[in-house]
Amino acid sequence: MESNTDNAQNRMAQESIRTKKVAKNSGMCKYYSTILLLLIILIFLIIQYIKS
């Protein structure tokens, strides 16, 4: 039977791995959302330019 400290350390290790994965994914999401936002602004400006 494992002790509580072993369980805690294992859990911490798993959490750190999970947070690293999530951080990598969220980094990609942030990158994509920034590009998407720029595209939307660009399209909006083009529409405004055509209307005027």
PDB file of N, CA and C in Angstrom:
ATOM      1  N   MET A   1       0.836  -1.203   0.000  1.00  0.00           N
ATOM      2  CA  MET A   1       0.000   0.000   0.000  1.00  0.00           C
ATOM      3  C   MET A   1       0.872   1.255   0.000  1.00  0.00           C
ATOM      4  N   GLU A   2       0.519   2.204  -0.862  1.00  0.00           N
ATOM      5  CA  GLU A   2       1.311   3.425  -0.967  1.00  0.00           C
ATOM      6  C   GLU A   2       0.983   4.390   0.163  1.00  0.00           C
ATOM      7  N   SER A   3       1.957   5.209   0.490  1.00  0.00           N
ATOM      8  CA  SER A   3       1.720   6.227   1.519  1.00  0.00           C
ATOM      9  C   SER A   3       1.081   7.460   0.872  1.00  0.00           C
ATOM     10  N   ASN A   4       0.587   8.351   1.705  1.00  0.00           N
ATOM     11  CA  ASN A   4      -0.083   9.550   1.200  1.00  0.00           C
ATOM     12  C   ASN A   4       0.864  10.454   0.420  1.00  0.00           C
ATOM     13  N   THR A   5       2.124  10.518   0.854  1.00  0.00           N
ATOM     14  CA  THR A   5       3.087  11.379   0.158  1.00  0.00           C
ATOM     15  C   THR A   5       3.342  10.863  -1.260  1.00  0.00           C
ATOM     16  N   ASP A   6       3.436   9.543  -1.412  1.00  0.00           N
ATOM     17  CA  ASP A   6       3.623   8.972  -2.748  1.00  0.00           C
ATOM     18  C   ASP A   6       2.443   9.318  -3.647  1.00  0.00           C
ATOM     19  N   ASN A   7       1.239   9.157  -3.116  1.00  0.00           N
ATOM     20  CA  ASN A   7       0.047   9.493  -3.885  1.00  0.00           C
ATOM     21  C   ASN A   7       0.048  10.959  -4.291  1.00  0.00           C
ATOM     22  N   ALA A   8       0.408  11.819  -3.346  1.00  0.00           N
ATOM     23  CA  ALA A   8       0.432  13.260  -3.610  1.00  0.00           C
ATOM     24  C   ALA A   8       1.450  13.585  -4.700  1.00  0.00           C
ATOM     25  N   GLN A   9       2.634  12.975  -4.608  1.00  0.00           N
ATOM     26  CA  GLN A   9       3.674  13.243  -5.605  1.00  0.00           C
ATOM     27  C   GLN A   9       3.248  12.758  -6.992  1.00  0.00           C
ATOM     28  N   ASN A  10       2.639  11.572  -7.050  1.00  0.00           N
ATOM     29  CA  ASN A  10       2.156  11.055  -8.328  1.00  0.00           C
ATOM     30  C   ASN A  10       1.106  11.982  -8.929  1.00  0.00           C
ATOM     31  N   ARG A  11       0.203  12.432  -8.074  1.00  0.00           N
ATOM     32  CA  ARG A  11      -0.856  13.326  -8.533  1.00  0.00           C
ATOM     33  C   ARG A  11      -0.265  14.640  -9.050  1.00  0.00           C
ATOM     34  N   MET A  12       0.721  15.176  -8.309  1.00  0.00           N
ATOM     35  CA  MET A  12       1.379  16.415  -8.726  1.00  0.00           C
ATOM     36  C   MET A  12       2.051  16.234 -10.085  1.00  0.00           C
ATOM     37  N   ALA A  13       2.723  15.098 -10.278  1.00  0.00           N
ATOM     38  CA  ALA A  13       3.399  14.825 -11.546  1.00  0.00           C
ATOM     39  C   ALA A  13       2.390  14.769 -12.688  1.00  0.00           C
ATOM     40  N   GLN A  14       1.283  14.056 -12.459  1.00  0.00           N
ATOM     41  CA  GLN A  14       0.255  13.948 -13.491  1.00  0.00           C
ATOM     42  C   GLN A  14      -0.347  15.313 -13.809  1.00  0.00           C
ATOM     43  N   GLU A  15      -0.608  16.107 -12.760  1.00  0.00           N
ATOM     44  CA  GLU A  15      -1.179  17.439 -12.964  1.00  0.00           C
ATOM     45  C   GLU A  15      -0.232  18.324 -13.762  1.00  0.00           C
ATOM     46  N   SER A  16       1.073  18.266 -13.454  1.00  0.00           N
ATOM     47  CA  SER A  16       2.034  19.103 -14.167  1.00  0.00           C
ATOM     48  C   SER A  16       2.096  18.705 -15.637  1.00  0.00           C
ATOM     49  N   ILE A  17       2.044  17.393 -15.913  1.00  0.00           N
ATOM     50  CA  ILE A  17       2.033  16.925 -17.303  1.00  0.00           C
ATOM     51  C   ILE A  17       0.787  17.443 -18.011  1.00  0.00           C
ATOM     52  N   ARG A  18      -0.354  17.326 -17.320  1.00  0.00           N
ATOM     53  CA  ARG A  18      -1.620  17.765 -17.907  1.00  0.00           C
ATOM     54  C   ARG A  18      -1.602  19.271 -18.179  1.00  0.00           C
ATOM     55  N   THR A  19      -1.093  20.055 -17.220  1.00  0.00           N
ATOM     56  CA  THR A  19      -1.070  21.509 -17.389  1.00  0.00           C
ATOM     57  C   THR A  19      -0.131  21.902 -18.524  1.00  0.00           C
ATOM     58  N   LYS A  20       0.969  21.164 -18.695  1.00  0.00           N
ATOM     59  CA  LYS A  20       1.872  21.442 -19.813  1.00  0.00           C
ATOM     60  C   LYS A  20       1.166  21.199 -21.143  1.00  0.00           C
ATOM     61  N   LYS A  21       0.426  20.090 -21.235  1.00  0.00           N
ATOM     62  CA  LYS A  21      -0.333  19.798 -22.454  1.00  0.00           C
ATOM     63  C   LYS A  21      -1.349  20.891 -22.727  1.00  0.00           C
ATOM     64  N   VAL A  22      -2.084  21.275 -21.680  1.00  0.00           N
ATOM     65  CA  VAL A  22      -3.109  22.308 -21.819  1.00  0.00           C
ATOM     66  C   VAL A  22      -2.474  23.633 -22.221  1.00  0.00           C
ATOM     67  N   ALA A  23      -1.327  23.955 -21.621  1.00  0.00           N
ATOM     68  CA  ALA A  23      -0.633  25.202 -21.939  1.00  0.00           C
ATOM     69  C   ALA A  23      -0.229  25.214 -23.412  1.00  0.00           C
ATOM     70  N   LYS A  24       0.264  24.084 -23.903  1.00  0.00           N
ATOM     71  CA  LYS A  24       0.656  23.982 -25.306  1.00  0.00           C
ATOM     72  C   LYS A  24      -0.559  24.190 -26.206  1.00  0.00           C
ATOM     73  N   ASN A  25      -1.670  23.527 -25.858  1.00  0.00           N
ATOM     74  CA  ASN A  25      -2.892  23.658 -26.650  1.00  0.00           C
ATOM     75  C   ASN A  25      -3.439  25.077 -26.610  1.00  0.00           C
ATOM     76  N   SER A  26      -3.478  25.681 -25.423  1.00  0.00           N
ATOM     77  CA  SER A  26      -4.011  27.030 -25.287  1.00  0.00           C
ATOM     78  C   SER A  26      -3.113  28.026 -26.016  1.00  0.00           C
ATOM     79  N   GLY A  27      -1.811  27.749 -26.057  1.00  0.00           N
ATOM     80  CA  GLY A  27      -0.894  28.590 -26.815  1.00  0.00           C
ATOM     81  C   GLY A  27      -1.259  28.580 -28.288  1.00  0.00           C
ATOM     82  N   MET A  28      -1.537  27.390 -28.822  1.00  0.00           N
ATOM     83  CA  MET A  28      -1.977  27.273 -30.208  1.00  0.00           C
ATOM     84  C   MET A  28      -3.307  27.980 -30.404  1.00  0.00           C
ATOM     85  N   CYS A  29      -4.233  27.817 -29.472  1.00  0.00           N
ATOM     86  CA  CYS A  29      -5.546  28.453 -29.575  1.00  0.00           C
ATOM     87  C   CYS A  29      -5.402  29.964 -29.587  1.00  0.00           C
ATOM     88  N   LYS A  30      -4.529  30.475 -28.734  1.00  0.00           N
ATOM     89  CA  LYS A  30      -4.300  31.919 -28.667  1.00  0.00           C
ATOM     90  C   LYS A  30      -3.759  32.410 -30.013  1.00  0.00           C
ATOM     91  N   TYR A  31      -2.828  31.639 -30.590  1.00  0.00           N
ATOM     92  CA  TYR A  31      -2.228  31.974 -31.878  1.00  0.00           C
ATOM     93  C   TYR A  31      -3.298  32.035 -32.968  1.00  0.00           C
ATOM     94  N   TYR A  32      -4.149  31.001 -33.025  1.00  0.00           N
ATOM     95  CA  TYR A  32      -5.214  30.954 -34.023  1.00  0.00           C
ATOM     96  C   TYR A  32      -6.230  32.065 -33.813  1.00  0.00           C
ATOM     97  N   SER A  33      -6.629  32.318 -32.569  1.00  0.00           N
ATOM     98  CA  SER A  33      -7.635  33.341 -32.289  1.00  0.00           C
ATOM     99  C   SER A  33      -7.114  34.723 -32.661  1.00  0.00           C
ATOM    100  N   THR A  34      -5.821  34.964 -32.463  1.00  0.00           N
ATOM    101  CA  THR A  34      -5.227  36.249 -32.840  1.00  0.00           C
ATOM    102  C   THR A  34      -5.302  36.440 -34.348  1.00  0.00           C
ATOM    103  N   ILE A  35      -4.945  35.420 -35.108  1.00  0.00           N
ATOM    104  CA  ILE A  35      -5.015  35.487 -36.571  1.00  0.00           C
ATOM    105  C   ILE A  35      -6.458  35.694 -37.014  1.00  0.00           C
ATOM    106  N   LEU A  36      -7.378  34.957 -36.401  1.00  0.00           N
ATOM    107  CA  LEU A  36      -8.793  35.072 -36.738  1.00  0.00           C
ATOM    108  C   LEU A  36      -9.293  36.484 -36.470  1.00  0.00           C
ATOM    109  N   LEU A  37      -8.912  37.046 -35.329  1.00  0.00           N
ATOM    110  CA  LEU A  37      -9.314  38.404 -34.968  1.00  0.00           C
ATOM    111  C   LEU A  37      -8.781  39.408 -35.986  1.00  0.00           C
ATOM    112  N   LEU A  38      -7.533  39.259 -36.390  1.00  0.00           N
ATOM    113  CA  LEU A  38      -6.949  40.155 -37.390  1.00  0.00           C
ATOM    114  C   LEU A  38      -7.686  40.048 -38.720  1.00  0.00           C
ATOM    115  N   LEU A  39      -8.034  38.834 -39.124  1.00  0.00           N
ATOM    116  CA  LEU A  39      -8.782  38.639 -40.363  1.00  0.00           C
ATOM    117  C   LEU A  39     -10.144  39.312 -40.301  1.00  0.00           C
ATOM    118  N   ILE A  40     -10.842  39.166 -39.170  1.00  0.00           N
ATOM    119  CA  ILE A  40     -12.156  39.785 -39.004  1.00  0.00           C
ATOM    120  C   ILE A  40     -12.044  41.300 -39.089  1.00  0.00           C
ATOM    121  N   ILE A  41     -11.041  41.870 -38.427  1.00  0.00           N
ATOM    122  CA  ILE A  41     -10.831  43.323 -38.473  1.00  0.00           C
ATOM    123  C   ILE A  41     -10.536  43.758 -39.901  1.00  0.00           C
ATOM    124  N   LEU A  42      -9.714  43.004 -40.597  1.00  0.00           N
ATOM    125  CA  LEU A  42      -9.355  43.320 -41.977  1.00  0.00           C
ATOM    126  C   LEU A  42     -10.588  43.311 -42.873  1.00  0.00           C
ATOM    127  N   ILE A  43     -11.414  42.273 -42.758  1.00  0.00           N
ATOM    128  CA  ILE A  43     -12.645  42.175 -43.542  1.00  0.00           C
ATOM    129  C   ILE A  43     -13.572  43.342 -43.224  1.00  0.00           C
ATOM    130  N   PHE A  44     -13.697  43.674 -41.943  1.00  0.00           N
ATOM    131  CA  PHE A  44     -14.540  44.789 -41.512  1.00  0.00           C
ATOM    132  C   PHE A  44     -14.061  46.097 -42.137  1.00  0.00           C
ATOM    133  N   LEU A  45     -12.755  46.327 -42.131  1.00  0.00           N
ATOM    134  CA  LEU A  45     -12.195  47.548 -42.709  1.00  0.00           C
ATOM    135  C   LEU A  45     -12.431  47.600 -44.213  1.00  0.00           C
ATOM    136  N   ILE A  46     -12.296  46.472 -44.892  1.00  0.00           N
ATOM    137  CA  ILE A  46     -12.535  46.409 -46.339  1.00  0.00           C
ATOM    138  C   ILE A  46     -13.986  46.747 -46.645  1.00  0.00           C
ATOM    139  N   ILE A  47     -14.919  46.196 -45.860  1.00  0.00           N
ATOM    140  CA  ILE A  47     -16.343  46.482 -46.055  1.00  0.00           C
ATOM    141  C   ILE A  47     -16.616  47.968 -45.835  1.00  0.00           C
ATOM    142  N   GLN A  48     -16.049  48.535 -44.789  1.00  0.00           N
ATOM    143  CA  GLN A  48     -16.219  49.964 -44.512  1.00  0.00           C
ATOM    144  C   GLN A  48     -15.662  50.801 -45.666  1.00  0.00           C
ATOM    145  N   TYR A  49     -14.528  50.389 -46.203  1.00  0.00           N
ATOM    146  CA  TYR A  49     -13.880  51.107 -47.306  1.00  0.00           C
ATOM    147  C   TYR A  49     -14.746  51.053 -48.559  1.00  0.00           C
ATOM    148  N   ILE A  50     -15.343  49.880 -48.842  1.00  0.00           N
ATOM    149  CA  ILE A  50     -16.199  49.718 -50.019  1.00  0.00           C
ATOM    150  C   ILE A  50     -17.465  50.562 -49.876  1.00  0.00           C
ATOM    151  N   LYS A  51     -18.056  50.585 -48.681  1.00  0.00           N
ATOM    152  CA  LYS A  51     -19.278  51.355 -48.447  1.00  0.00           C
ATOM    153  C   LYS A  51     -19.045  52.849 -48.640  1.00  0.00           C
ATOM    154  N   SER A  52     -17.896  53.353 -48.209  1.00  0.00           N
ATOM    155  CA  SER A  52     -17.640  54.790 -48.277  1.00  0.00           C
ATOM    156  C   SER A  52     -17.248  55.263 -49.674  1.00  0.00           C
TER     157      SER A  52
END
